[in-house]
C-alpha atoms as a PDB file:
ATOM      1  CA  MET A   1      -3.565 124.668 -13.046  1.00  0.00           C
ATOM      2  CA  ALA A   2       0.122 125.528 -12.741  1.00  0.00           C
ATOM      3  CA  GLU A   3       1.299 121.971 -12.152  1.00  0.00           C
ATOM      4  CA  GLN A   4      -0.435 120.797 -15.354  1.00  0.00           C
ATOM      5  CA  GLN A   5       1.880 122.954 -17.478  1.00  0.00           C
ATOM      6  CA  LEU A   6       4.719 120.529 -16.811  1.00  0.00           C
ATOM      7  CA  THR A   7       5.130 117.690 -19.276  1.00  0.00           C
ATOM      8  CA  VAL A   8       5.847 114.324 -17.677  1.00  0.00           C
ATOM      9  CA  ALA A   9       7.481 111.082 -18.758  1.00  0.00           C
ATOM     10  CA  VAL A  10       6.383 108.202 -16.516  1.00  0.00           C
ATOM     11  CA  ILE A  11       9.125 105.581 -16.705  1.00  0.00           C
ATOM     12  CA  VAL A  12       8.516 101.936 -15.789  1.00  0.00           C
ATOM     13  CA  PRO A  13      11.411  99.447 -16.007  1.00  0.00           C
ATOM     14  CA  ALA A  14      10.218  95.872 -16.340  1.00  0.00           C
ATOM     15  CA  ARG A  15      11.891  92.489 -16.340  1.00  0.00           C
ATOM     16  CA  ASN A  16       9.522  89.521 -16.472  1.00  0.00           C
ATOM     17  CA  GLY A  17       6.685  91.726 -15.292  1.00  0.00           C
ATOM     18  CA  ALA A  18       3.830  90.275 -17.354  1.00  0.00           C
ATOM     19  CA  ARG A  19       1.906  89.242 -14.238  1.00  0.00           C
ATOM     20  CA  VAL A  20       1.851  92.690 -12.634  1.00  0.00           C
ATOM     21  CA  LEU A  21       2.403  95.179 -15.463  1.00  0.00           C
ATOM     22  CA  PRO A  22      -1.231  95.241 -16.724  1.00  0.00           C
ATOM     23  CA  GLY A  23      -2.414  96.663 -13.402  1.00  0.00           C
ATOM     24  CA  CYS A  24       0.306  99.286 -13.474  1.00  0.00           C
ATOM     25  CA  LEU A  25      -0.577 100.365 -17.015  1.00  0.00           C
ATOM     26  CA  ARG A  26      -4.307 100.525 -16.247  1.00  0.00           C
ATOM     27  CA  ALA A  27      -3.602 102.790 -13.286  1.00  0.00           C
ATOM     28  CA  LEU A  28      -1.327 105.020 -15.374  1.00  0.00           C
ATOM     29  CA  ARG A  29      -3.882 105.324 -18.135  1.00  0.00           C
ATOM     30  CA  ARG A  30      -6.562 106.446 -15.668  1.00  0.00           C
ATOM     31  CA  GLN A  31      -4.636 109.376 -14.201  1.00  0.00           C
ATOM     32  CA  ASP A  32      -6.457 112.697 -13.823  1.00  0.00           C
ATOM     33  CA  TYR A  33      -3.479 114.509 -15.377  1.00  0.00           C
ATOM     34  CA  PRO A  34      -4.156 115.805 -18.926  1.00  0.00           C
ATOM     35  CA  PRO A  35      -3.264 112.907 -21.281  1.00  0.00           C
ATOM     36  CA  GLU A  36      -1.586 115.252 -23.755  1.00  0.00           C
ATOM     37  CA  SER A  37       0.841 116.328 -21.004  1.00  0.00           C
ATOM     38  CA  TYR A  38       2.296 112.949 -20.087  1.00  0.00           C
ATOM     39  CA  GLU A  39       3.585 109.798 -21.696  1.00  0.00           C
ATOM     40  CA  VAL A  40       4.364 106.339 -20.321  1.00  0.00           C
ATOM     41  CA  ILE A  41       7.634 104.648 -21.269  1.00  0.00           C
ATOM     42  CA  VAL A  42       8.074 100.968 -20.448  1.00  0.00           C
ATOM     43  CA  VAL A  43      11.666  99.743 -20.684  1.00  0.00           C
ATOM     44  CA  ASP A  44      11.829  95.989 -21.115  1.00  0.00           C
ATOM     45  CA  ASP A  45      15.050  94.719 -19.545  1.00  0.00           C
ATOM     46  CA  ALA A  46      15.445  91.511 -21.598  1.00  0.00           C
ATOM     47  CA  SER A  47      12.351  89.779 -20.235  1.00  0.00           C
ATOM     48  CA  THR A  48      11.908  86.092 -20.928  1.00  0.00           C
ATOM     49  CA  ASP A  49       8.116  86.233 -20.466  1.00  0.00           C
ATOM     50  CA  ARG A  50       5.435  88.107 -22.421  1.00  0.00           C
ATOM     51  CA  THR A  51       6.277  91.552 -21.048  1.00  0.00           C
ATOM     52  CA  PRO A  52       7.264  93.196 -24.384  1.00  0.00           C
ATOM     53  CA  ALA A  53       4.425  91.510 -26.275  1.00  0.00           C
ATOM     54  CA  LEU A  54       1.963  92.663 -23.641  1.00  0.00           C
ATOM     55  CA  VAL A  55       3.088  96.290 -23.992  1.00  0.00           C
ATOM     56  CA  ARG A  56       2.858  96.106 -27.782  1.00  0.00           C
ATOM     57  CA  GLU A  57      -0.679  94.748 -27.468  1.00  0.00           C
ATOM     58  CA  GLU A  58      -1.588  97.608 -25.129  1.00  0.00           C
ATOM     59  CA  ILE A  59      -0.177 100.135 -27.604  1.00  0.00           C
ATOM     60  CA  ALA A  60      -2.171  98.623 -30.455  1.00  0.00           C
ATOM     61  CA  ARG A  61      -5.449  98.082 -28.623  1.00  0.00           C
ATOM     62  CA  ASP A  62      -6.138 100.469 -25.799  1.00  0.00           C
ATOM     63  CA  TRP A  63      -3.884 103.511 -25.851  1.00  0.00           C
ATOM     64  CA  GLN A  64      -5.687 105.638 -28.396  1.00  0.00           C
ATOM     65  CA  GLU A  65      -6.766 109.295 -28.770  1.00  0.00           C
ATOM     66  CA  ASP A  66      -7.783 110.400 -25.259  1.00  0.00           C
ATOM     67  CA  ALA A  67      -5.105 108.271 -23.541  1.00  0.00           C
ATOM     68  CA  PRO A  68      -1.487 109.295 -22.939  1.00  0.00           C
ATOM     69  CA  ARG A  69       1.146 108.039 -25.317  1.00  0.00           C
ATOM     70  CA  LEU A  70       2.591 104.618 -24.458  1.00  0.00           C
ATOM     71  CA  ARG A  71       6.057 103.656 -25.691  1.00  0.00           C
ATOM     72  CA  LEU A  72       8.157 100.502 -25.422  1.00  0.00           C
ATOM     73  CA  ILE A  73      11.962 100.433 -25.297  1.00  0.00           C
ATOM     74  CA  GLU A  74      13.738  97.085 -25.370  1.00  0.00           C
ATOM     75  CA  GLN A  75      17.304  96.550 -24.175  1.00  0.00           C
ATOM     76  CA  SER A  76      19.702  93.770 -23.225  1.00  0.00           C
ATOM     77  CA  TRP A  77      19.766  92.891 -19.534  1.00  0.00           C
ATOM     78  CA  SER A  78      21.379  95.913 -17.890  1.00  0.00           C
ATOM     79  CA  GLY A  79      19.441  96.466 -14.663  1.00  0.00           C
ATOM     80  CA  ALA A  80      16.644  98.814 -13.646  1.00  0.00           C
ATOM     81  CA  GLY A  81      18.951 101.813 -13.173  1.00  0.00           C
ATOM     82  CA  ALA A  82      20.267 101.533 -16.718  1.00  0.00           C
ATOM     83  CA  ALA A  83      16.713 101.056 -17.990  1.00  0.00           C
ATOM     84  CA  ARG A  84      15.591 104.249 -16.296  1.00  0.00           C
ATOM     85  CA  ASN A  85      18.598 106.184 -17.601  1.00  0.00           C
ATOM     86  CA  ARG A  86      17.903 104.930 -21.113  1.00  0.00           C
ATOM     87  CA  ALA A  87      14.298 106.124 -20.985  1.00  0.00           C
ATOM     88  CA  VAL A  88      15.339 109.580 -19.767  1.00  0.00           C
ATOM     89  CA  THR A  89      17.655 109.992 -22.764  1.00  0.00           C
ATOM     90  CA  GLU A  90      14.732 109.248 -25.088  1.00  0.00           C
ATOM     91  CA  SER A  91      12.313 111.662 -23.442  1.00  0.00           C
ATOM     92  CA  ARG A  92      12.112 115.446 -23.635  1.00  0.00           C
ATOM     93  CA  ALA A  93       9.565 115.944 -20.862  1.00  0.00           C
ATOM     94  CA  ASP A  94      10.046 118.579 -18.169  1.00  0.00           C
ATOM     95  CA  VAL A  95       9.856 115.947 -15.429  1.00  0.00           C
ATOM     96  CA  VAL A  96      10.795 112.276 -15.350  1.00  0.00           C
ATOM     97  CA  LEU A  97       8.592 110.289 -12.971  1.00  0.00           C
ATOM     98  CA  PHE A  98       9.536 106.761 -11.932  1.00  0.00           C
ATOM     99  CA  THR A  99       7.495 103.843 -10.694  1.00  0.00           C
ATOM    100  CA  ASP A 100       7.806 100.045 -10.794  1.00  0.00           C
ATOM    101  CA  ALA A 101       5.923  97.408 -12.742  1.00  0.00           C
ATOM    102  CA  ASP A 102       4.420  95.972  -9.548  1.00  0.00           C
ATOM    103  CA  CYS A 103       2.990  99.334  -8.464  1.00  0.00           C
ATOM    104  CA  GLU A 104      -0.466 100.765  -9.199  1.00  0.00           C
ATOM    105  CA  PRO A 105      -0.590 104.555  -8.734  1.00  0.00           C
ATOM    106  CA  VAL A 106      -3.700 106.204  -7.321  1.00  0.00           C
ATOM    107  CA  PRO A 107      -5.709 108.250  -9.884  1.00  0.00           C
ATOM    108  CA  ASP A 108      -4.257 111.639  -8.846  1.00  0.00           C
ATOM    109  CA  TRP A 109      -0.693 110.353  -8.435  1.00  0.00           C
ATOM    110  CA  ILE A 110       0.881 112.394 -11.232  1.00  0.00           C
ATOM    111  CA  SER A 111      -0.942 115.555 -10.124  1.00  0.00           C
ATOM    112  CA  ALA A 112       0.172 115.039  -6.527  1.00  0.00           C
ATOM    113  CA  MET A 113       3.778 114.420  -7.582  1.00  0.00           C
ATOM    114  CA  MET A 114       3.841 117.518  -9.802  1.00  0.00           C
ATOM    115  CA  ARG A 115       2.388 119.916  -7.248  1.00  0.00           C
ATOM    116  CA  PRO A 116       5.600 120.453  -5.198  1.00  0.00           C
ATOM    117  CA  PHE A 117       7.490 121.494  -8.324  1.00  0.00           C
ATOM    118  CA  ALA A 118       5.123 124.429  -8.742  1.00  0.00           C
ATOM    119  CA  GLU A 119       4.373 125.203  -5.097  1.00  0.00           C
ATOM    120  CA  ALA A 120       7.597 124.367  -3.236  1.00  0.00           C
ATOM    121  CA  GLY A 121      10.348 124.865  -5.807  1.00  0.00           C
ATOM    122  CA  ALA A 122      11.254 121.179  -5.682  1.00  0.00           C
ATOM    123  CA  ASP A 123      13.986 119.611  -7.810  1.00  0.00           C
ATOM    124  CA  CYS A 124      12.834 116.127  -6.851  1.00  0.00           C
ATOM    125  CA  VAL A 125       9.614 114.797  -5.318  1.00  0.00           C
ATOM    126  CA  ALA A 126       9.225 111.583  -3.299  1.00  0.00           C
ATOM    127  CA  GLY A 127       5.999 109.645  -2.854  1.00  0.00           C
ATOM    128  CA  GLY A 128       4.974 106.593  -0.838  1.00  0.00           C
ATOM    129  CA  TYR A 129       3.337 103.172  -0.661  1.00  0.00           C
ATOM    130  CA  LEU A 130      -0.164 101.893  -0.008  1.00  0.00           C
ATOM    131  CA  THR A 131      -1.320  98.271  -0.041  1.00  0.00           C
ATOM    132  CA  HIS A 132      -4.579  96.345  -0.453  1.00  0.00           C
ATOM    133  CA  GLN A 133      -3.131  93.274   1.278  1.00  0.00           C
ATOM    134  CA  ARG A 134      -4.765  91.885   4.409  1.00  0.00           C
ATOM    135  CA  GLY A 135      -2.057  89.517   5.664  1.00  0.00           C
ATOM    136  CA  TRP A 136      -0.442  90.509   8.947  1.00  0.00           C
ATOM    137  CA  VAL A 137       3.124  90.762   7.622  1.00  0.00           C
ATOM    138  CA  ALA A 138       2.096  93.029   4.737  1.00  0.00           C
ATOM    139  CA  ARG A 139      -0.077  95.168   7.019  1.00  0.00           C
ATOM    140  CA  LEU A 140       2.736  95.626   9.511  1.00  0.00           C
ATOM    141  CA  ALA A 141       5.136  96.426   6.677  1.00  0.00           C
ATOM    142  CA  GLN A 142       2.714  99.127   5.570  1.00  0.00           C
ATOM    143  CA  ALA A 143       2.462 100.429   9.143  1.00  0.00           C
ATOM    144  CA  ASP A 144       6.257 100.621   9.238  1.00  0.00           C
ATOM    145  CA  PHE A 145       6.303 102.626   6.005  1.00  0.00           C
ATOM    146  CA  GLU A 146       3.646 104.971   7.374  1.00  0.00           C
ATOM    147  CA  GLN A 147       5.779 105.619  10.460  1.00  0.00           C
ATOM    148  CA  ARG A 148       8.583 106.682   8.132  1.00  0.00           C
ATOM    149  CA  TYR A 149       6.229 108.823   6.052  1.00  0.00           C
ATOM    150  CA  ARG A 150       5.179 110.717   9.171  1.00  0.00           C
ATOM    151  CA  ARG A 151       8.847 111.390   9.739  1.00  0.00           C
ATOM    152  CA  LEU A 152       9.320 112.642   6.154  1.00  0.00           C
ATOM    153  CA  ALA A 153       6.254 114.865   6.431  1.00  0.00           C
ATOM    154  CA  SER A 154       7.828 116.709   9.363  1.00  0.00           C
ATOM    155  CA  TYR A 155      10.587 118.111   7.112  1.00  0.00           C
ATOM    156  CA  ASP A 156      10.345 120.914   4.551  1.00  0.00           C
ATOM    157  CA  SER A 157      13.046 119.162   2.547  1.00  0.00           C
ATOM    158  CA  VAL A 158      14.110 115.497   2.713  1.00  0.00           C
ATOM    159  CA  ASP A 159      17.103 113.527   1.448  1.00  0.00           C
ATOM    160  CA  VAL A 160      15.518 110.328   0.125  1.00  0.00           C
ATOM    161  CA  ALA A 161      13.454 109.393  -2.931  1.00  0.00           C
ATOM    162  CA  PHE A 162      12.743 105.799  -3.928  1.00  0.00           C
ATOM    163  CA  THR A 163      11.868 104.790  -7.455  1.00  0.00           C
ATOM    164  CA  HIS A 164       8.450 103.307  -6.737  1.00  0.00           C
ATOM    165  CA  ALA A 165       7.370 106.980  -6.621  1.00  0.00           C
ATOM    166  CA  ALA A 166      10.073 109.542  -7.447  1.00  0.00           C
ATOM    167  CA  ALA A 167      10.036 112.514  -9.810  1.00  0.00           C
ATOM    168  CA  TYR A 168      13.009 114.591 -10.984  1.00  0.00           C
ATOM    169  CA  ARG A 169      13.287 117.713 -13.055  1.00  0.00           C
ATOM    170  CA  ARG A 170      14.792 116.240 -16.172  1.00  0.00           C
ATOM    171  CA  GLU A 171      17.509 118.895 -16.444  1.00  0.00           C
ATOM    172  CA  VAL A 172      18.622 118.165 -12.864  1.00  0.00           C
ATOM    173  CA  PHE A 173      18.575 114.404 -13.455  1.00  0.00           C
ATOM    174  CA  VAL A 174      20.706 114.787 -16.590  1.00  0.00           C
ATOM    175  CA  GLU A 175      23.129 117.161 -14.879  1.00  0.00           C
ATOM    176  CA  LEU A 176      23.659 114.595 -12.116  1.00  0.00           C
ATOM    177  CA  LYS A 177      24.146 111.854 -14.764  1.00  0.00           C
ATOM    178  CA  GLY A 178      21.226 109.851 -13.441  1.00  0.00           C
ATOM    179  CA  PHE A 179      21.451 106.563 -11.603  1.00  0.00           C
ATOM    180  CA  ASP A 180      24.881 105.082 -11.010  1.00  0.00           C
ATOM    181  CA  GLU A 181      24.589 101.872 -13.022  1.00  0.00           C
ATOM    182  CA  ARG A 182      27.415 100.304 -11.016  1.00  0.00           C
ATOM    183  CA  MET A 183      25.188 100.328  -7.945  1.00  0.00           C
ATOM    184  CA  PRO A 184      22.744  97.484  -7.251  1.00  0.00           C
ATOM    185  CA  ASN A 185      19.084  98.086  -7.981  1.00  0.00           C
ATOM    186  CA  ASP A 186      18.248  98.196  -4.278  1.00  0.00           C
ATOM    187  CA  GLY A 187      20.600 101.102  -3.601  1.00  0.00           C
ATOM    188  CA  ASP A 188      20.905 103.223  -6.729  1.00  0.00           C
ATOM    189  CA  ASP A 189      17.838 105.354  -5.973  1.00  0.00           C
ATOM    190  CA  LEU A 190      19.027 106.155  -2.449  1.00  0.00           C
ATOM    191  CA  GLU A 191      22.504 106.972  -3.762  1.00  0.00           C
ATOM    192  CA  LEU A 192      21.087 109.405  -6.327  1.00  0.00           C
ATOM    193  CA  ALA A 193      18.885 111.089  -3.699  1.00  0.00           C
ATOM    194  CA  TYR A 194      21.845 111.558  -1.355  1.00  0.00           C
ATOM    195  CA  ARG A 195      23.941 112.867  -4.238  1.00  0.00           C
ATOM    196  CA  LEU A 196      21.232 115.354  -5.220  1.00  0.00           C
ATOM    197  CA  SER A 197      20.645 116.572  -1.672  1.00  0.00           C
ATOM    198  CA  GLN A 198      24.372 117.189  -1.190  1.00  0.00           C
ATOM    199  CA  THR A 199      24.313 119.665  -4.086  1.00  0.00           C
ATOM    200  CA  GLY A 200      21.860 121.831  -2.152  1.00  0.00           C
ATOM    201  CA  ARG A 201      18.858 120.958  -4.316  1.00  0.00           C
ATOM    202  CA  ARG A 202      15.467 120.254  -2.751  1.00  0.00           C
ATOM    203  CA  ILE A 203      13.688 116.933  -2.410  1.00  0.00           C
ATOM    204  CA  VAL A 204      10.113 117.385  -1.207  1.00  0.00           C
ATOM    205  CA  TYR A 205       7.907 114.611   0.155  1.00  0.00           C
ATOM    206  CA  ALA A 206       4.413 114.479  -1.385  1.00  0.00           C
ATOM    207  CA  PRO A 207       2.113 112.665   1.084  1.00  0.00           C
ATOM    208  CA  ASP A 208      -0.559 112.145  -1.586  1.00  0.00           C
ATOM    209  CA  GLY A 209       1.863 110.776  -4.192  1.00  0.00           C
ATOM    210  CA  LEU A 210       0.931 107.170  -3.475  1.00  0.00           C
ATOM    211  CA  VAL A 211       1.142 103.852  -5.280  1.00  0.00           C
ATOM    212  CA  PHE A 212      -0.359 100.522  -4.274  1.00  0.00           C
ATOM    213  CA  HIS A 213       2.268  97.812  -3.883  1.00  0.00           C
ATOM    214  CA  LEU A 214       2.567  94.140  -2.973  1.00  0.00           C
ATOM    215  CA  HIS A 215       4.657  93.847   0.187  1.00  0.00           C
ATOM    216  CA  PRO A 216       6.199  90.533   1.326  1.00  0.00           C
ATOM    217  CA  GLU A 217       3.486  88.196   2.581  1.00  0.00           C
ATOM    218  CA  THR A 218       5.498  85.944   4.898  1.00  0.00           C
ATOM    219  CA  LEU A 219       7.991  86.645   7.642  1.00  0.00           C
ATOM    220  CA  VAL A 220      10.686  84.739   5.742  1.00  0.00           C
ATOM    221  CA  GLN A 221      10.128  86.831   2.614  1.00  0.00           C
ATOM    222  CA  TYR A 222      10.215  89.994   4.700  1.00  0.00           C
ATOM    223  CA  ALA A 223      13.439  88.961   6.463  1.00  0.00           C
ATOM    224  CA  ARG A 224      15.083  88.187   3.132  1.00  0.00           C
ATOM    225  CA  LYS A 225      14.086  91.588   1.777  1.00  0.00           C
ATOM    226  CA  LYS A 226      15.322  93.402   4.872  1.00  0.00           C
ATOM    227  CA  PHE A 227      18.630  91.550   4.784  1.00  0.00           C
ATOM    228  CA  GLY A 228      19.102  92.819   1.233  1.00  0.00           C
ATOM    229  CA  ARG A 229      18.138  96.351   2.241  1.00  0.00           C
ATOM    230  CA  GLY A 230      20.614  96.320   5.099  1.00  0.00           C
ATOM    231  CA  PHE A 231      23.360  95.041   2.826  1.00  0.00           C
ATOM    232  CA  TRP A 232      22.861  97.308  -0.192  1.00  0.00           C
ATOM    233  CA  ARG A 233      22.219 100.457   1.797  1.00  0.00           C
ATOM    234  CA  THR A 234      25.340  99.941   3.825  1.00  0.00           C
ATOM    235  CA  LEU A 235      27.228 100.111   0.530  1.00  0.00           C
ATOM    236  CA  VAL A 236      25.554 103.484  -0.067  1.00  0.00           C
ATOM    237  CA  TYR A 237      26.512 104.619   3.441  1.00  0.00           C
ATOM    238  CA  LYS A 238      30.131 103.799   2.626  1.00  0.00           C
ATOM    239  CA  ARG A 239      29.923 106.582   0.045  1.00  0.00           C
ATOM    240  CA  TYR A 240      27.982 108.946   2.291  1.00  0.00           C
ATOM    241  CA  PRO A 241      29.191 108.230   5.846  1.00  0.00           C
ATOM    242  CA  ASP A 242      27.564 111.383   7.195  1.00  0.00           C
ATOM    243  CA  LYS A 243      24.169 109.738   6.583  1.00  0.00           C
ATOM    244  CA  VAL A 244      24.914 106.946   9.045  1.00  0.00           C
ATOM    245  CA  ALA A 245      24.159 109.214  12.001  1.00  0.00           C
ATOM    246  CA  GLN A 246      20.866 110.448  10.594  1.00  0.00           C
ATOM    247  CA  ASP A 247      18.827 110.922   7.462  1.00  0.00           C
ATOM    248  CA  THR A 248      15.241 112.091   7.113  1.00  0.00           C
ATOM    249  CA  TYR A 249      13.817 108.596   6.519  1.00  0.00           C
ATOM    250  CA  THR A 250      15.305 106.105   8.970  1.00  0.00           C
ATOM    251  CA  PRO A 251      13.854 106.145  12.521  1.00  0.00           C
ATOM    252  CA  GLN A 252      16.605 106.439  15.103  1.00  0.00           C
ATOM    253  CA  VAL A 253      14.985 103.665  17.124  1.00  0.00           C
ATOM    254  CA  LEU A 254      15.706 101.214  14.292  1.00  0.00           C
ATOM    255  CA  LYS A 255      19.438 101.700  14.808  1.00  0.00           C
ATOM    256  CA  LEU A 256      19.034 100.947  18.505  1.00  0.00           C
ATOM    257  CA  GLN A 257      16.962  97.878  17.658  1.00  0.00           C
ATOM    258  CA  VAL A 258      19.621  96.615  15.231  1.00  0.00           C
ATOM    259  CA  LEU A 259      22.277  97.045  17.921  1.00  0.00           C
ATOM    260  CA  LEU A 260      20.166  95.257  20.539  1.00  0.00           C
ATOM    261  CA  ALA A 261      19.370  92.432  18.112  1.00  0.00           C
ATOM    262  CA  GLY A 262      23.079  91.985  17.486  1.00  0.00           C
ATOM    263  CA  LEU A 263      23.825  91.912  21.199  1.00  0.00           C
ATOM    264  CA  THR A 264      21.018  89.425  21.755  1.00  0.00           C
ATOM    265  CA  VAL A 265      22.096  86.999  19.052  1.00  0.00           C
ATOM    266  CA  GLY A 266      25.807  87.409  19.719  1.00  0.00           C
ATOM    267  CA  GLY A 267      25.419  87.068  23.475  1.00  0.00           C
ATOM    268  CA  ALA A 268      23.226  83.988  23.126  1.00  0.00           C
ATOM    269  CA  LEU A 269      25.661  82.262  20.762  1.00  0.00           C
ATOM    270  CA  ILE A 270      28.669  83.029  22.939  1.00  0.00           C
ATOM    271  CA  GLY A 271      26.778  82.067  26.082  1.00  0.00           C
ATOM    272  CA  LEU A 272      25.759  78.713  24.627  1.00  0.00           C
ATOM    273  CA  ALA A 273      29.233  78.021  23.264  1.00  0.00           C
ATOM    274  CA  LEU A 274      30.968  78.877  26.527  1.00  0.00           C
ATOM    275  CA  ARG A 275      28.142  77.737  28.783  1.00  0.00           C
ATOM    276  CA  SER A 276      28.266  81.158  30.341  1.00  0.00           C
ATOM    277  CA  GLY A 277      25.271  82.121  32.437  1.00  0.00           C
ATOM    278  CA  SER A 278      26.337  85.750  32.561  1.00  0.00           C
ATOM    279  CA  MET A 279      26.448  85.987  28.764  1.00  0.00           C
ATOM    280  CA  LEU A 280      23.045  84.362  28.468  1.00  0.00           C
ATOM    281  CA  ALA A 281      21.694  86.791  31.061  1.00  0.00           C
ATOM    282  CA  ALA A 282      23.142  89.709  29.094  1.00  0.00           C
ATOM    283  CA  ALA A 283      21.510  88.364  25.931  1.00  0.00           C
ATOM    284  CA  ALA A 284      18.174  88.070  27.748  1.00  0.00           C
ATOM    285  CA  THR A 285      18.522  91.662  28.984  1.00  0.00           C
ATOM    286  CA  SER A 286      19.222  92.885  25.434  1.00  0.00           C
ATOM    287  CA  LEU A 287      16.175  91.003  24.194  1.00  0.00           C
ATOM    288  CA  GLY A 288      14.016  92.549  26.886  1.00  0.00           C
ATOM    289  CA  LEU A 289      15.192  96.037  26.011  1.00  0.00           C
ATOM    290  CA  LEU A 290      14.575  95.295  22.334  1.00  0.00           C
ATOM    291  CA  VAL A 291      10.995  94.265  23.058  1.00  0.00           C
ATOM    292  CA  ILE A 292      10.455  97.456  25.062  1.00  0.00           C
ATOM    293  CA  THR A 293      11.543  99.567  22.066  1.00  0.00           C
ATOM    294  CA  THR A 294       8.770  97.978  19.972  1.00  0.00           C
ATOM    295  CA  VAL A 295       5.976  99.127  22.279  1.00  0.00           C
ATOM    296  CA  PRO A 296       5.449 102.649  20.811  1.00  0.00           C
ATOM    297  CA  PHE A 297       5.101 101.205  17.296  1.00  0.00           C
ATOM    298  CA  ALA A 298       2.610  98.609  18.516  1.00  0.00           C
ATOM    299  CA  LEU A 299       0.538 101.179  20.397  1.00  0.00           C
ATOM    300  CA  ARG A 300       0.163 103.315  17.267  1.00  0.00           C
ATOM    301  CA  ILE A 301      -1.669 100.455  15.546  1.00  0.00           C
ATOM    302  CA  ARG A 302      -5.352 101.165  16.097  1.00  0.00           C
ATOM    303  CA  THR A 303      -6.923  98.754  13.622  1.00  0.00           C
ATOM    304  CA  SER A 304      -6.283  95.373  15.210  1.00  0.00           C
ATOM    305  CA  LEU A 305      -5.310  93.955  18.589  1.00  0.00           C
ATOM    306  CA  ARG A 306      -3.780  90.979  16.771  1.00  0.00           C
ATOM    307  CA  LEU A 307      -1.467  93.287  14.827  1.00  0.00           C
ATOM    308  CA  ARG A 308      -0.443  95.004  18.066  1.00  0.00           C
ATOM    309  CA  LEU A 309       0.505  91.672  19.595  1.00  0.00           C
ATOM    310  CA  LEU A 310       2.419  90.562  16.491  1.00  0.00           C
ATOM    311  CA  ALA A 311       4.235  93.879  16.048  1.00  0.00           C
ATOM    312  CA  PRO A 312       7.130  93.017  18.432  1.00  0.00           C
ATOM    313  CA  ILE A 313       7.839  89.778  16.549  1.00  0.00           C
ATOM    314  CA  PHE A 314       7.763  91.672  13.257  1.00  0.00           C
ATOM    315  CA  LEU A 315      10.188  94.328  14.508  1.00  0.00           C
ATOM    316  CA  LEU A 316      12.516  91.748  16.065  1.00  0.00           C
ATOM    317  CA  VAL A 317      12.796  89.985  12.707  1.00  0.00           C
ATOM    318  CA  GLN A 318      13.298  93.331  10.942  1.00  0.00           C
ATOM    319  CA  ALA A 319      16.104  94.373  13.278  1.00  0.00           C
ATOM    320  CA  ALA A 320      17.873  91.006  13.085  1.00  0.00           C
ATOM    321  CA  ALA A 321      17.621  90.852   9.286  1.00  0.00           C
ATOM    322  CA  VAL A 322      18.783  94.429   8.742  1.00  0.00           C
ATOM    323  CA  GLY A 323      21.606  93.912  11.227  1.00  0.00           C
ATOM    324  CA  ALA A 324      22.750  90.744   9.452  1.00  0.00           C
ATOM    325  CA  GLY A 325      22.764  92.581   6.138  1.00  0.00           C
ATOM    326  CA  VAL A 326      24.734  95.468   7.596  1.00  0.00           C
ATOM    327  CA  ALA A 327      27.259  93.101   9.189  1.00  0.00           C
ATOM    328  CA  TYR A 328      27.787  91.267   5.919  1.00  0.00           C
ATOM    329  CA  ALA A 329      28.237  94.539   4.021  1.00  0.00           C
ATOM    330  CA  LEU A 330      30.800  95.809   6.539  1.00  0.00           C
ATOM    331  CA  VAL A 331      33.114  92.894   5.781  1.00  0.00           C
ATOM    332  CA  ASP A 332      32.407  93.006   2.038  1.00  0.00           C
ATOM    333  CA  ARG A 333      35.199  94.719   0.121  1.00  0.00           C
ATOM    334  CA  ILE A 334      33.296  95.086  -3.163  1.00  0.00           C
ATOM    335  CA  GLU A 335      32.005  98.613  -3.787  1.00  0.00           C
ATOM    336  CA  ASN A 336      30.130  97.978  -7.057  1.00  0.00           C
ATOM    337  CA  TYR A 337      28.148  95.075  -8.448  1.00  0.00           C
ATOM    338  CA  GLU A 338      27.046  93.872 -11.852  1.00  0.00           C
ATOM    339  CA  VAL A 339      23.447  93.417 -12.994  1.00  0.00           C
ATOM    340  CA  GLY A 340      21.452  91.387 -10.513  1.00  0.00           C
ATOM    341  CA  GLY A 341      23.821  92.047  -7.602  1.00  0.00           C
ATOM    342  CA  ARG A 342      26.612  89.744  -8.822  1.00  0.00           C
ATOM    343  CA  ARG A 343      30.136  90.562  -7.748  1.00  0.00           C
ATOM    344  CA  LYS A 344      32.262  92.306 -10.341  1.00  0.00           C
ATOM    345  CA  ARG A 345      35.194  90.312 -11.583  1.00  0.00           C
ATOM    346  CA  THR A 346      38.522  92.007 -10.897  1.00  0.00           C
END
């Protein structure tokens, strides 16, 4: 098959990933792609657990003959973006394919991710998430991702690719100088995708390029994650302000929900502080409108009445958390961060 002529380097950055990495490696070993046509490179980012030892054991024990080549690169703590860049420099494959240590690709993942290079002239291919989790927060998070994937599937070419499932022609990746290592790990993949799309190159969404992932299991964990997403991605939007109005991934209704959540919280706080009935009424109106915007999402959930009823709460928390992250980023004057999201010293 045409897509099997491409050689592939699957790159997995890992820091303290001993708990989840075995599942990732098992899934990568069991791919239906010809084993002689792909290799797996794990970059250990100064783990303090057994991550590097585990990879060495896998190399010695299981990855023989009919399995793809498995390699380990060890580096000082530099961040996932630097780890991925390092692996690309040490590979000569036609395509570099990224995933994370806590992801388990489906058996035809590599084949699905390679197909658009041959059939659609792609320079980059983006995949998506699945989950085995049964908790309501994780299931609603997955439903939210699937809403976004339907949006991506409606475009011939998209402008996002996230590193849980993203493939680049190596020559294009090198020409663009890879991930900006000054960016935080939660924004460097989006920044690179925007940068690539602005050069006129094509990013194609592969609906079958899926990896199983562990989503946040509690509402607090989810809110914390969404706060971080709102913060880091606002830093990316500062570089690409034209993406604020619209990209191919973010539902327009989310922006309305973030605005309404801000009006609700702000109006309630001001109303309580000033003992203003009109402000409290305005906050209640904003909250009502916000709830109304969640109805279409809830109605698309066919699997569980309970999930339908919980969907508005989930989306309210999402909007408030993203909005808080955006607000914090707007007053933050730091453009670049060190490893782990620490502020750079100036």
